[in-house]
């Protein structure tokens, strides 16, 4: 596997983990659909 591909996979993984960590309720985490892109997060 090339280093560029490995880096892109790592960045994508971190973005999903950050998005999930930003969700406020466990229900939101359960509803999060990885195939639908990044979640819409409210400021606050």
PDB file of N, CA and C in Angstrom:
ATOM      1  N   UNK A   1       0.852  -1.168   0.000  1.00  0.00           N
ATOM      2  CA  UNK A   1       0.000   0.000   0.000  1.00  0.00           C
ATOM      3  C   UNK A   1       0.904   1.239   0.000  1.00  0.00           C
ATOM      4  N   UNK A   2       0.536   2.208  -0.796  1.00  0.00           N
ATOM      5  CA  UNK A   2       1.367   3.410  -0.860  1.00  0.00           C
ATOM      6  C   UNK A   2       1.155   4.273   0.384  1.00  0.00           C
ATOM      7  N   UNK A   3       2.137   5.099   0.670  1.00  0.00           N
ATOM      8  CA  UNK A   3       2.041   5.996   1.826  1.00  0.00           C
ATOM      9  C   UNK A   3       0.920   7.013   1.649  1.00  0.00           C
ATOM     10  N   UNK A   4       0.684   7.442   0.423  1.00  0.00           N
ATOM     11  CA  UNK A   4      -0.382   8.417   0.157  1.00  0.00           C
ATOM     12  C   UNK A   4      -1.739   7.801   0.468  1.00  0.00           C
ATOM     13  N   UNK A   5      -1.959   6.593   0.021  1.00  0.00           N
ATOM     14  CA  UNK A   5      -3.215   5.909   0.292  1.00  0.00           C
ATOM     15  C   UNK A   5      -3.398   5.679   1.789  1.00  0.00           C
ATOM     16  N   UNK A   6      -2.361   5.238   2.457  1.00  0.00           N
ATOM     17  CA  UNK A   6      -2.431   5.001   3.901  1.00  0.00           C
ATOM     18  C   UNK A   6      -2.744   6.303   4.643  1.00  0.00           C
ATOM     19  N   UNK A   7      -2.161   7.400   4.213  1.00  0.00           N
ATOM     20  CA  UNK A   7      -2.415   8.694   4.852  1.00  0.00           C
ATOM     21  C   UNK A   7      -3.856   9.139   4.632  1.00  0.00           C
ATOM     22  N   UNK A   8      -4.374   8.937   3.434  1.00  0.00           N
ATOM     23  CA  UNK A   8      -5.770   9.324   3.154  1.00  0.00           C
ATOM     24  C   UNK A   8      -6.746   8.494   3.997  1.00  0.00           C
ATOM     25  N   UNK A   9      -6.468   7.220   4.156  1.00  0.00           N
ATOM     26  CA  UNK A   9      -7.315   6.363   4.992  1.00  0.00           C
ATOM     27  C   UNK A   9      -7.275   6.844   6.439  1.00  0.00           C
ATOM     28  N   UNK A  10      -6.101   7.170   6.937  1.00  0.00           N
ATOM     29  CA  UNK A  10      -5.963   7.640   8.319  1.00  0.00           C
ATOM     30  C   UNK A  10      -6.701   8.956   8.538  1.00  0.00           C
ATOM     31  N   UNK A  11      -6.617   9.863   7.594  1.00  0.00           N
ATOM     32  CA  UNK A  11      -7.311  11.151   7.716  1.00  0.00           C
ATOM     33  C   UNK A  11      -8.819  10.938   7.723  1.00  0.00           C
ATOM     34  N   UNK A  12      -9.305  10.087   6.841  1.00  0.00           N
ATOM     35  CA  UNK A  12     -10.744   9.808   6.786  1.00  0.00           C
ATOM     36  C   UNK A  12     -11.218   9.184   8.095  1.00  0.00           C
ATOM     37  N   UNK A  13     -10.462   8.241   8.619  1.00  0.00           N
ATOM     38  CA  UNK A  13     -10.808   7.606   9.893  1.00  0.00           C
ATOM     39  C   UNK A  13     -10.899   8.653  11.001  1.00  0.00           C
ATOM     40  N   UNK A  14      -9.921   9.532  11.069  1.00  0.00           N
ATOM     41  CA  UNK A  14      -9.914  10.562  12.117  1.00  0.00           C
ATOM     42  C   UNK A  14     -11.097  11.517  11.967  1.00  0.00           C
ATOM     43  N   UNK A  15     -11.446  11.848  10.734  1.00  0.00           N
ATOM     44  CA  UNK A  15     -12.593  12.739  10.525  1.00  0.00           C
ATOM     45  C   UNK A  15     -13.876  12.097  11.023  1.00  0.00           C
ATOM     46  N   UNK A  16     -14.076  10.809  10.751  1.00  0.00           N
ATOM     47  CA  UNK A  16     -15.268  10.121  11.246  1.00  0.00           C
ATOM     48  C   UNK A  16     -15.260  10.043  12.770  1.00  0.00           C
ATOM     49  N   UNK A  17     -14.116   9.733  13.364  1.00  0.00           N
ATOM     50  CA  UNK A  17     -14.033   9.659  14.823  1.00  0.00           C
ATOM     51  C   UNK A  17     -14.304  11.018  15.458  1.00  0.00           C
ATOM     52  N   UNK A  18     -13.789  12.095  14.858  1.00  0.00           N
ATOM     53  CA  UNK A  18     -14.057  13.440  15.358  1.00  0.00           C
ATOM     54  C   UNK A  18     -15.536  13.789  15.234  1.00  0.00           C
ATOM     55  N   UNK A  19     -16.136  13.414  14.114  1.00  0.00           N
ATOM     56  CA  UNK A  19     -17.558  13.704  13.901  1.00  0.00           C
ATOM     57  C   UNK A  19     -18.413  12.985  14.934  1.00  0.00           C
ATOM     58  N   UNK A  20     -18.094  11.737  15.216  1.00  0.00           N
ATOM     59  CA  UNK A  20     -18.856  10.971  16.205  1.00  0.00           C
ATOM     60  C   UNK A  20     -18.638  11.539  17.604  1.00  0.00           C
ATOM     61  N   UNK A  21     -17.420  11.920  17.919  1.00  0.00           N
ATOM     62  CA  UNK A  21     -17.124  12.480  19.241  1.00  0.00           C
ATOM     63  C   UNK A  21     -17.883  13.784  19.472  1.00  0.00           C
ATOM     64  N   UNK A  22     -18.213  14.502  18.402  1.00  0.00           N
ATOM     65  CA  UNK A  22     -18.914  15.777  18.522  1.00  0.00           C
ATOM     66  C   UNK A  22     -20.421  15.611  18.727  1.00  0.00           C
ATOM     67  N   UNK A  23     -20.931  14.398  18.533  1.00  0.00           N
ATOM     68  CA  UNK A  23     -22.371  14.172  18.737  1.00  0.00           C
ATOM     69  C   UNK A  23     -22.680  14.215  20.232  1.00  0.00           C
ATOM     70  N   UNK A  24     -23.821  14.803  20.575  1.00  0.00           N
ATOM     71  CA  UNK A  24     -24.148  15.056  21.980  1.00  0.00           C
ATOM     72  C   UNK A  24     -24.899  13.927  22.674  1.00  0.00           C
ATOM     73  N   UNK A  25     -25.646  13.136  21.932  1.00  0.00           N
ATOM     74  CA  UNK A  25     -26.477  12.099  22.551  1.00  0.00           C
ATOM     75  C   UNK A  25     -26.146  10.739  21.954  1.00  0.00           C
ATOM     76  N   UNK A  26     -26.311   9.712  22.761  1.00  0.00           N
ATOM     77  CA  UNK A  26     -26.053   8.354  22.286  1.00  0.00           C
ATOM     78  C   UNK A  26     -26.991   8.005  21.136  1.00  0.00           C
ATOM     79  N   UNK A  27     -28.192   8.558  21.145  1.00  0.00           N
ATOM     80  CA  UNK A  27     -29.143   8.311  20.063  1.00  0.00           C
ATOM     81  C   UNK A  27     -28.598   8.841  18.738  1.00  0.00           C
ATOM     82  N   UNK A  28     -27.931   9.987  18.796  1.00  0.00           N
ATOM     83  CA  UNK A  28     -27.338  10.561  17.588  1.00  0.00           C
ATOM     84  C   UNK A  28     -26.221   9.669  17.050  1.00  0.00           C
ATOM     85  N   UNK A  29     -25.454   9.085  17.951  1.00  0.00           N
ATOM     86  CA  UNK A  29     -24.385   8.177  17.534  1.00  0.00           C
ATOM     87  C   UNK A  29     -24.982   6.948  16.871  1.00  0.00           C
ATOM     88  N   UNK A  30     -26.061   6.404  17.446  1.00  0.00           N
ATOM     89  CA  UNK A  30     -26.703   5.224  16.872  1.00  0.00           C
ATOM     90  C   UNK A  30     -27.291   5.517  15.493  1.00  0.00           C
ATOM     91  N   UNK A  31     -27.792   6.721  15.281  1.00  0.00           N
ATOM     92  CA  UNK A  31     -28.401   7.096  14.001  1.00  0.00           C
ATOM     93  C   UNK A  31     -27.362   7.497  12.955  1.00  0.00           C
ATOM     94  N   UNK A  32     -26.135   7.756  13.362  1.00  0.00           N
ATOM     95  CA  UNK A  32     -25.105   8.217  12.432  1.00  0.00           C
ATOM     96  C   UNK A  32     -24.870   7.188  11.337  1.00  0.00           C
ATOM     97  N   UNK A  33     -24.979   7.618  10.102  1.00  0.00           N
ATOM     98  CA  UNK A  33     -24.814   6.733   8.950  1.00  0.00           C
ATOM     99  C   UNK A  33     -23.494   7.052   8.260  1.00  0.00           C
ATOM    100  N   UNK A  34     -22.535   6.164   8.368  1.00  0.00           N
ATOM    101  CA  UNK A  34     -21.216   6.368   7.772  1.00  0.00           C
ATOM    102  C   UNK A  34     -21.286   6.558   6.262  1.00  0.00           C
ATOM    103  N   UNK A  35     -22.255   5.938   5.631  1.00  0.00           N
ATOM    104  CA  UNK A  35     -22.338   6.006   4.171  1.00  0.00           C
ATOM    105  C   UNK A  35     -22.941   7.309   3.679  1.00  0.00           C
ATOM    106  N   UNK A  36     -23.448   8.117   4.600  1.00  0.00           N
ATOM    107  CA  UNK A  36     -24.148   9.354   4.225  1.00  0.00           C
ATOM    108  C   UNK A  36     -23.268  10.595   4.383  1.00  0.00           C
ATOM    109  N   UNK A  37     -21.976  10.442   4.586  1.00  0.00           N
ATOM    110  CA  UNK A  37     -21.091  11.595   4.727  1.00  0.00           C
ATOM    111  C   UNK A  37     -20.993  12.062   6.151  1.00  0.00           C
ATOM    112  N   UNK A  38     -20.592  13.303   6.356  1.00  0.00           N
ATOM    113  CA  UNK A  38     -20.379  13.857   7.683  1.00  0.00           C
ATOM    114  C   UNK A  38     -21.697  14.304   8.290  1.00  0.00           C
ATOM    115  N   UNK A  39     -21.860  14.162   9.602  1.00  0.00           N
ATOM    116  CA  UNK A  39     -23.111  14.593  10.237  1.00  0.00           C
ATOM    117  C   UNK A  39     -23.222  16.109  10.276  1.00  0.00           C
ATOM    118  N   UNK A  40     -24.450  16.584  10.303  1.00  0.00           N
ATOM    119  CA  UNK A  40     -24.709  18.005  10.483  1.00  0.00           C
ATOM    120  C   UNK A  40     -24.653  18.280  11.981  1.00  0.00           C
ATOM    121  N   UNK A  41     -23.745  19.136  12.412  1.00  0.00           N
ATOM    122  CA  UNK A  41     -23.599  19.422  13.814  1.00  0.00           C
ATOM    123  C   UNK A  41     -24.068  20.845  14.108  1.00  0.00           C
ATOM    124  N   UNK A  42     -24.792  20.987  15.198  1.00  0.00           N
ATOM    125  CA  UNK A  42     -25.226  22.330  15.591  1.00  0.00           C
ATOM    126  C   UNK A  42     -24.142  22.964  16.451  1.00  0.00           C
ATOM    127  N   UNK A  43     -24.004  24.264  16.331  1.00  0.00           N
ATOM    128  CA  UNK A  43     -23.021  24.981  17.145  1.00  0.00           C
ATOM    129  C   UNK A  43     -23.546  25.056  18.566  1.00  0.00           C
ATOM    130  N   UNK A  44     -22.676  24.860  19.506  1.00  0.00           N
ATOM    131  CA  UNK A  44     -23.159  24.984  20.863  1.00  0.00           C
ATOM    132  C   UNK A  44     -22.488  24.123  21.788  1.00  0.00           C
TER     133      UNK A  44
END
